[in-house]
N, C-alpha and C. Protein backbone atom coordinates (compact mmCIF):
# COMPACT_ATOMS: atom_id res chain seq x y z
N UNK A 1 1.05 -0.94 0.10
CA UNK A 1 -0.09 0.04 0.12
C UNK A 1 0.87 1.34 0.17
N UNK A 2 0.44 2.22 -0.80
CA UNK A 2 1.54 2.92 -0.98
C UNK A 2 0.45 4.35 -0.92
N UNK A 3 0.75 5.40 -0.26
CA UNK A 3 0.07 6.70 -0.02
C UNK A 3 0.51 7.77 -1.30
N UNK A 4 -0.20 8.54 -1.71
CA UNK A 4 0.85 9.56 -2.91
C UNK A 4 0.06 10.60 -2.97
N UNK A 5 0.28 11.57 -1.97
CA UNK A 5 -0.63 12.81 -1.72
C UNK A 5 -0.59 13.42 -2.95
N UNK A 6 0.25 13.61 -3.99
CA UNK A 6 0.25 14.11 -5.36
C UNK A 6 -0.90 13.35 -5.93
N UNK A 7 -1.31 12.47 -5.78
CA UNK A 7 -2.43 11.76 -6.25
C UNK A 7 -3.74 11.76 -5.63
N UNK A 8 -3.85 11.81 -4.49
CA UNK A 8 -5.16 11.61 -4.02
C UNK A 8 -4.82 12.53 -2.12
N UNK A 9 -5.79 13.73 -1.98
CA UNK A 9 -5.50 14.37 -0.60
C UNK A 9 -5.88 13.15 0.30
N UNK A 10 -4.97 13.46 1.62
CA UNK A 10 -5.59 12.40 2.62
C UNK A 10 -6.88 12.82 3.21
N UNK A 11 -7.43 13.78 3.16
CA UNK A 11 -8.88 14.39 3.35
C UNK A 11 -9.79 13.43 2.38
N UNK A 12 -9.29 13.48 1.18
CA UNK A 12 -10.50 12.56 0.62
C UNK A 12 -10.23 11.24 0.72
N UNK A 13 -9.29 10.41 1.31
CA UNK A 13 -9.36 9.55 1.78
C UNK A 13 -10.27 9.08 2.77
N UNK A 14 -10.10 10.09 3.72
CA UNK A 14 -10.84 10.04 4.67
C UNK A 14 -12.19 9.92 4.29
N UNK A 15 -12.94 10.79 3.42
CA UNK A 15 -14.22 11.13 3.04
C UNK A 15 -14.47 9.68 2.54
N UNK A 16 -13.75 9.13 1.56
CA UNK A 16 -14.67 7.90 0.88
C UNK A 16 -14.36 6.66 2.07
N UNK A 17 -13.35 6.83 3.17
CA UNK A 17 -13.40 5.15 4.03
C UNK A 17 -14.55 5.48 4.78
N UNK A 18 -14.80 6.91 5.22
CA UNK A 18 -15.99 7.01 6.39
C UNK A 18 -17.77 6.98 5.56
N UNK A 19 -17.42 6.85 4.40
CA UNK A 19 -18.62 7.21 3.64
C UNK A 19 -19.26 5.92 2.96
N UNK A 20 -18.31 5.41 2.29
CA UNK A 20 -18.34 4.54 1.31
C UNK A 20 -17.40 3.27 1.76
N UNK A 21 -16.33 3.27 2.11
CA UNK A 21 -15.67 1.96 2.56
C UNK A 21 -16.06 1.10 3.77
N UNK A 22 -16.63 1.91 4.32
CA UNK A 22 -16.86 1.30 6.04
C UNK A 22 -18.28 2.10 6.15
N UNK A 23 -18.82 1.53 7.63
CA UNK A 23 -19.76 2.04 8.56
C UNK A 23 -19.04 2.35 9.81
N UNK A 24 -18.45 3.47 10.02
CA UNK A 24 -17.59 3.84 11.17
C UNK A 24 -18.23 3.79 12.46
N UNK A 25 -19.49 3.27 12.64
CA UNK A 25 -20.26 2.97 13.68
C UNK A 25 -20.41 1.79 14.21
N UNK A 26 -20.28 1.01 13.04
CA UNK A 26 -19.99 -0.51 13.35
C UNK A 26 -18.65 -0.86 14.27
N UNK A 27 -18.85 -1.48 15.63
CA UNK A 27 -17.85 -2.23 16.24
C UNK A 27 -17.50 -3.24 16.40
N UNK A 28 -16.15 -3.56 15.57
CA UNK A 28 -15.52 -5.13 15.45
C UNK A 28 -16.25 -5.72 14.41
N UNK A 29 -16.91 -4.98 13.34
CA UNK A 29 -17.77 -5.92 12.18
C UNK A 29 -16.94 -5.12 10.97
N UNK A 30 -17.01 -6.09 9.68
CA UNK A 30 -17.29 -5.45 8.20
C UNK A 30 -18.22 -6.31 7.68
N UNK A 31 -19.07 -5.82 6.93
CA UNK A 31 -20.24 -6.77 6.74
C UNK A 31 -20.46 -8.01 7.08
N UNK A 32 -20.51 -9.18 7.32
CA UNK A 32 -21.11 -10.27 7.90
C UNK A 32 -19.72 -10.69 8.69
N UNK A 33 -18.37 -10.13 8.60
CA UNK A 33 -17.45 -10.96 9.30
C UNK A 33 -17.52 -9.79 10.67
N UNK A 34 -17.24 -10.75 11.80
CA UNK A 34 -17.20 -9.75 13.03
C UNK A 34 -15.86 -10.56 13.84
N UNK A 35 -15.32 -9.40 15.01
CA UNK A 35 -14.37 -9.76 15.71
C UNK A 35 -13.45 -8.39 15.59
N UNK A 36 -12.21 -8.44 16.77
CA UNK A 36 -11.77 -7.20 16.54
C UNK A 36 -10.88 -7.21 15.56
N UNK A 37 -10.39 -7.98 14.97
CA UNK A 37 -9.62 -7.84 13.56
C UNK A 37 -10.35 -7.00 12.60
N UNK A 38 -11.56 -7.00 12.81
CA UNK A 38 -12.16 -6.34 11.90
C UNK A 38 -12.71 -4.84 11.68
N UNK A 39 -12.34 -4.09 13.17
CA UNK A 39 -12.85 -3.07 13.67
C UNK A 39 -12.02 -2.47 13.01
N UNK A 40 -12.55 -1.00 12.33
CA UNK A 40 -11.88 -0.24 11.78
C UNK A 40 -11.20 1.20 12.08
N UNK A 41 -10.04 1.14 11.55
CA UNK A 41 -8.94 2.18 11.98
C UNK A 41 -8.18 2.85 10.96
N UNK A 42 -8.28 4.12 11.30
CA UNK A 42 -7.37 5.12 10.29
C UNK A 42 -6.12 5.00 10.79
N UNK A 43 -4.79 4.48 10.01
CA UNK A 43 -3.89 4.49 10.24
C UNK A 43 -3.15 6.18 10.12
N UNK A 44 -2.42 6.67 10.59
CA UNK A 44 -1.59 7.88 10.14
C UNK A 44 -0.06 7.95 10.40
N UNK A 45 0.52 8.57 9.74
CA UNK A 45 1.97 8.59 9.32
C UNK A 45 2.88 10.18 10.10
N UNK A 46 1.80 10.80 10.03
CA UNK A 46 2.36 12.03 10.80
C UNK A 46 1.28 12.85 11.64
N UNK A 47 1.72 14.25 12.38
CA UNK A 47 0.63 14.53 13.11
C UNK A 47 -0.46 15.42 12.59
N UNK A 48 -0.21 15.62 11.33
CA UNK A 48 -1.14 16.83 10.26
C UNK A 48 -1.93 15.13 10.13
N UNK A 49 -2.06 14.41 9.41
CA UNK A 49 -2.69 13.14 9.44
C UNK A 49 -3.82 12.81 10.68
N UNK A 50 -2.99 12.75 11.65
CA UNK A 50 -3.79 12.44 12.61
C UNK A 50 -4.72 13.45 13.04
N UNK A 51 -4.17 14.80 13.09
CA UNK A 51 -5.27 16.13 13.31
C UNK A 51 -6.39 16.00 12.43
N UNK A 52 -5.97 15.94 10.96
CA UNK A 52 -7.24 15.98 10.18
C UNK A 52 -7.88 14.70 10.20
N UNK A 53 -7.80 13.57 10.34
CA UNK A 53 -8.68 12.41 10.87
C UNK A 53 -9.13 12.27 12.25
N UNK A 54 -8.99 13.14 13.47
CA UNK A 54 -9.72 13.00 14.29
C UNK A 54 -10.66 14.58 13.95
N UNK A 55 -10.33 15.38 13.36
CA UNK A 55 -11.08 16.85 13.30
C UNK A 55 -12.45 16.32 12.50
N UNK A 56 -11.82 15.50 11.48
CA UNK A 56 -13.01 15.12 10.28
C UNK A 56 -14.01 14.36 11.34
N UNK A 57 -13.48 13.35 11.94
CA UNK A 57 -14.50 12.72 12.80
C UNK A 57 -15.16 13.35 13.57
N UNK A 58 -14.69 14.64 14.51
CA UNK A 58 -15.83 15.26 15.00
C UNK A 58 -16.44 16.24 14.59
N UNK A 59 -16.26 16.60 13.31
CA UNK A 59 -17.11 17.43 12.29
C UNK A 59 -18.20 16.51 12.34
N UNK A 60 -18.05 15.07 11.38
CA UNK A 60 -19.08 14.09 11.46
C UNK A 60 -19.89 13.73 12.35
N UNK A 61 -19.43 13.80 13.79
CA UNK A 61 -19.96 13.92 15.03
C UNK A 61 -20.62 14.91 15.49
N UNK A 62 -20.25 16.20 15.48
CA UNK A 62 -21.13 17.36 15.81
C UNK A 62 -22.24 17.54 14.68
N UNK A 63 -22.56 17.36 13.51
CA UNK A 63 -23.19 17.39 12.66
C UNK A 63 -24.11 16.48 12.75
N UNK A 64 -23.85 15.50 13.84
CA UNK A 64 -25.01 14.45 13.85
C UNK A 64 -24.90 13.12 12.60
N UNK A 65 -24.07 12.93 11.56
CA UNK A 65 -24.13 12.52 10.14
C UNK A 65 -24.64 11.26 10.49
N UNK A 66 -24.31 10.25 11.45
CA UNK A 66 -24.47 8.71 11.76
C UNK A 66 -25.56 9.14 12.99
N UNK A 67 -26.50 8.04 12.80
CA UNK A 67 -27.30 8.17 14.51
C UNK A 67 -26.66 7.44 15.41
N UNK A 68 -25.65 6.57 15.29
CA UNK A 68 -24.87 5.94 16.25
C UNK A 68 -23.03 6.77 16.36
N UNK A 69 -23.03 6.77 17.28
CA UNK A 69 -21.33 7.01 17.53
C UNK A 69 -20.57 6.70 16.68
N UNK A 70 -19.45 7.26 16.07
CA UNK A 70 -18.30 6.82 15.26
C UNK A 70 -17.33 5.98 16.00
N UNK A 71 -16.88 4.77 16.00
CA UNK A 71 -16.24 3.85 16.72
C UNK A 71 -14.74 3.69 16.27
N UNK A 72 -14.52 4.33 14.74
CA UNK A 72 -13.30 3.94 14.29
C UNK A 72 -12.48 4.87 14.66
N UNK A 73 -11.21 3.59 15.07
CA UNK A 73 -10.23 4.09 15.92
C UNK A 73 -9.48 5.09 15.15
N UNK A 74 -8.44 6.10 15.98
CA UNK A 74 -7.10 6.59 14.84
C UNK A 74 -5.93 6.34 15.80
N UNK A 75 -5.20 5.60 14.57
CA UNK A 75 -3.85 5.13 15.77
C UNK A 75 -2.64 5.28 14.74
N UNK A 76 -1.38 5.53 15.43
CA UNK A 76 -0.51 5.51 14.31
C UNK A 76 -0.16 4.00 13.59
N UNK A 77 0.43 4.42 12.51
CA UNK A 77 0.69 3.33 11.53
C UNK A 77 1.46 2.05 12.17
N UNK A 78 1.39 0.84 11.72
CA UNK A 78 2.23 0.18 12.32
C UNK A 78 3.04 -0.89 11.11
N UNK A 79 3.61 -1.85 11.19
CA UNK A 79 4.24 -2.46 10.37
C UNK A 79 2.88 -3.32 9.36
N UNK A 80 3.24 -3.30 8.35
CA UNK A 80 2.17 -3.46 7.26
C UNK A 80 2.62 -5.31 6.37
N UNK A 81 1.75 -6.04 6.65
CA UNK A 81 2.45 -7.26 6.16
C UNK A 81 1.25 -7.59 4.93
N UNK A 82 1.66 -8.20 3.79
CA UNK A 82 0.92 -8.28 2.79
C UNK A 82 -0.05 -9.54 3.36
N UNK A 83 -1.78 -9.85 2.57
CA UNK A 83 -2.34 -10.64 2.87
C UNK A 83 -1.81 -11.79 2.21
N UNK A 84 -1.92 -12.96 2.63
CA UNK A 84 -1.91 -14.37 1.70
C UNK A 84 -2.13 -14.58 0.36
N UNK A 85 -1.92 -14.82 -0.52
CA UNK A 85 -1.69 -14.64 -1.58
C UNK A 85 -3.17 -14.75 -2.54
N UNK A 86 -3.98 -15.53 -1.95
CA UNK A 86 -5.47 -16.22 -2.38
C UNK A 86 -5.90 -14.67 -1.99
N UNK A 87 -6.19 -14.26 -0.91
CA UNK A 87 -6.63 -13.08 -1.12
C UNK A 87 -6.52 -11.54 -2.00
N UNK A 88 -4.82 -11.60 -2.65
CA UNK A 88 -4.74 -10.64 -3.49
C UNK A 88 -5.49 -10.66 -4.51
N UNK A 89 -6.23 -9.16 -5.06
CA UNK A 89 -6.90 -9.06 -6.18
C UNK A 89 -8.15 -9.88 -6.10
N UNK A 90 -8.78 -10.29 -4.88
CA UNK A 90 -9.49 -11.40 -4.95
C UNK A 90 -10.95 -11.00 -5.46
N UNK A 91 -11.04 -9.35 -5.61
CA UNK A 91 -12.34 -8.81 -6.19
C UNK A 91 -12.46 -9.11 -7.54
N UNK A 92 -11.11 -8.82 -8.10
CA UNK A 92 -11.43 -8.69 -9.43
C UNK A 92 -11.06 -10.04 -9.80
N UNK A 93 -10.64 -11.02 -9.32
CA UNK A 93 -10.34 -12.41 -9.87
C UNK A 93 -11.91 -12.93 -9.66
N UNK A 94 -12.84 -12.70 -8.82
CA UNK A 94 -13.46 -13.58 -8.36
C UNK A 94 -15.16 -12.49 -8.28
N UNK A 95 -15.47 -11.83 -9.10
CA UNK A 95 -16.41 -11.01 -9.60
C UNK A 95 -17.83 -11.23 -8.71
N UNK A 96 -17.78 -12.60 -9.11
CA UNK A 96 -19.14 -13.51 -9.12
C UNK A 96 -19.43 -13.73 -7.64
N UNK A 97 -18.38 -14.08 -6.97
CA UNK A 97 -18.31 -14.87 -5.42
C UNK A 97 -19.55 -13.53 -4.72
N UNK A 98 -20.24 -14.79 -3.84
CA UNK A 98 -21.20 -14.16 -3.30
C UNK A 98 -20.69 -12.89 -2.08
N UNK A 99 -19.63 -12.89 -1.45
CA UNK A 99 -19.36 -12.21 -0.63
C UNK A 99 -18.82 -10.74 -1.43
N UNK A 100 -18.48 -10.73 -2.72
CA UNK A 100 -18.06 -9.77 -3.25
C UNK A 100 -19.44 -8.98 -3.67
N UNK A 101 -20.03 -9.78 -4.41
CA UNK A 101 -21.39 -9.16 -5.30
C UNK A 101 -22.17 -8.66 -4.09
N UNK A 102 -22.41 -9.18 -2.62
CA UNK A 102 -23.12 -8.61 -1.64
C UNK A 102 -22.49 -7.52 -0.98
N UNK A 103 -21.29 -7.71 -0.25
CA UNK A 103 -20.49 -6.72 0.39
C UNK A 103 -19.73 -5.58 -0.46
N UNK A 104 -18.93 -6.08 -1.48
CA UNK A 104 -18.16 -5.42 -1.64
C UNK A 104 -17.96 -4.20 -3.03
N UNK A 105 -19.23 -4.89 -3.81
CA UNK A 105 -19.34 -4.46 -5.11
C UNK A 105 -20.48 -3.21 -5.33
N UNK A 106 -21.18 -3.29 -3.95
CA UNK A 106 -22.00 -1.92 -3.75
C UNK A 106 -20.92 -0.77 -3.44
N UNK A 107 -19.95 -1.03 -2.54
CA UNK A 107 -18.97 0.04 -2.24
C UNK A 107 -18.39 0.52 -3.15
N UNK A 108 -17.99 -0.46 -4.43
CA UNK A 108 -17.45 0.32 -5.68
C UNK A 108 -18.30 1.06 -6.11
N UNK A 109 -19.50 0.62 -6.16
CA UNK A 109 -20.72 1.63 -7.34
C UNK A 109 -20.74 2.78 -6.30
N UNK A 110 -20.99 2.77 -5.08
CA UNK A 110 -20.95 4.26 -4.20
C UNK A 110 -19.66 5.27 -4.72
N UNK A 111 -18.65 4.27 -4.60
CA UNK A 111 -17.50 5.18 -4.57
C UNK A 111 -17.59 6.08 -6.03
N UNK A 112 -17.90 5.03 -7.29
CA UNK A 112 -18.18 5.76 -8.66
C UNK A 112 -19.25 6.69 -8.43
N UNK A 113 -20.16 6.33 -7.78
CA UNK A 113 -21.51 7.43 -7.46
C UNK A 113 -21.16 8.84 -6.86
N UNK A 114 -20.34 8.60 -6.00
CA UNK A 114 -20.26 9.84 -5.13
C UNK A 114 -18.80 10.24 -5.41
N UNK A 115 -17.86 9.73 -5.64
CA UNK A 115 -16.96 10.24 -5.81
C UNK A 115 -16.05 9.76 -7.12
N UNK A 116 -17.06 10.31 -8.42
CA UNK A 116 -16.71 10.33 -9.78
C UNK A 116 -15.01 10.05 -10.00
N UNK A 117 -14.67 11.86 -9.40
CA UNK A 117 -12.89 11.88 -10.01
C UNK A 117 -12.24 10.81 -9.33
N UNK A 118 -12.29 10.29 -8.05
CA UNK A 118 -11.44 9.56 -7.52
C UNK A 118 -11.64 7.72 -7.60
N UNK A 119 -12.71 7.88 -8.97
CA UNK A 119 -12.90 6.46 -9.24
C UNK A 119 -12.06 6.05 -10.64
N UNK A 120 -11.27 4.59 -10.44
CA UNK A 120 -10.85 4.48 -11.58
C UNK A 120 -11.14 2.80 -12.23
N UNK A 121 -11.49 2.97 -13.39
CA UNK A 121 -12.20 1.75 -14.03
C UNK A 121 -11.53 0.87 -13.95
N UNK A 122 -9.93 0.90 -14.53
CA UNK A 122 -9.16 -0.35 -13.97
C UNK A 122 -8.43 0.00 -12.73
N UNK A 123 -8.92 -1.32 -11.92
CA UNK A 123 -8.02 -1.41 -10.40
C UNK A 123 -6.42 -1.27 -11.02
N UNK A 124 -5.37 -1.28 -10.40
CA UNK A 124 -3.99 -1.61 -10.47
C UNK A 124 -4.07 -2.97 -9.56
N UNK A 125 -3.85 -3.94 -9.94
CA UNK A 125 -3.51 -5.50 -8.94
C UNK A 125 -2.32 -5.51 -8.61
N UNK A 126 -2.54 -5.81 -7.30
CA UNK A 126 -1.61 -6.15 -6.66
C UNK A 126 -0.80 -6.75 -6.99
N UNK A 127 -1.48 -7.98 -7.74
CA UNK A 127 -0.33 -9.15 -8.30
C UNK A 127 0.72 -8.59 -9.75
N UNK A 128 -0.28 -7.48 -10.11
CA UNK A 128 0.97 -6.73 -11.11
C UNK A 128 2.23 -6.10 -10.61
N UNK A 129 1.94 -5.78 -9.37
CA UNK A 129 2.71 -4.63 -8.67
C UNK A 129 3.72 -5.68 -8.02
N UNK A 130 3.74 -6.82 -7.91
CA UNK A 130 4.68 -7.54 -7.02
C UNK A 130 5.98 -7.96 -7.89
N UNK A 131 7.35 -8.15 -7.40
CA UNK A 131 8.53 -8.59 -8.08
C UNK A 131 8.29 -10.01 -8.38
């Protein structure tokens, strides 16, 4: 995972994550999956990112954007480990999988609808970037 602020602003990533990618009020859930490993977290690498994330969450909270409390955590970035090979590019390789069709494909539709300038028709596949 590489974040390039010259290509997308951190604030844009926050908006997408907290409105399209996840329900920030669900504690330890992602779709049908549950457990502490599924809790939503915003990772930051600079104090500016941390401040932007917490300010945006505060803004959403004050605006009562969600009926329930936002439980997404804001934490310093940690070591990142690639997922197992069978998880790489899964949605692209298995678009008809029930999990993808029910949980992930609607998020992609909403990304395209609500953030058309951030949407990319052809994804960059993880497998194509591996040595």
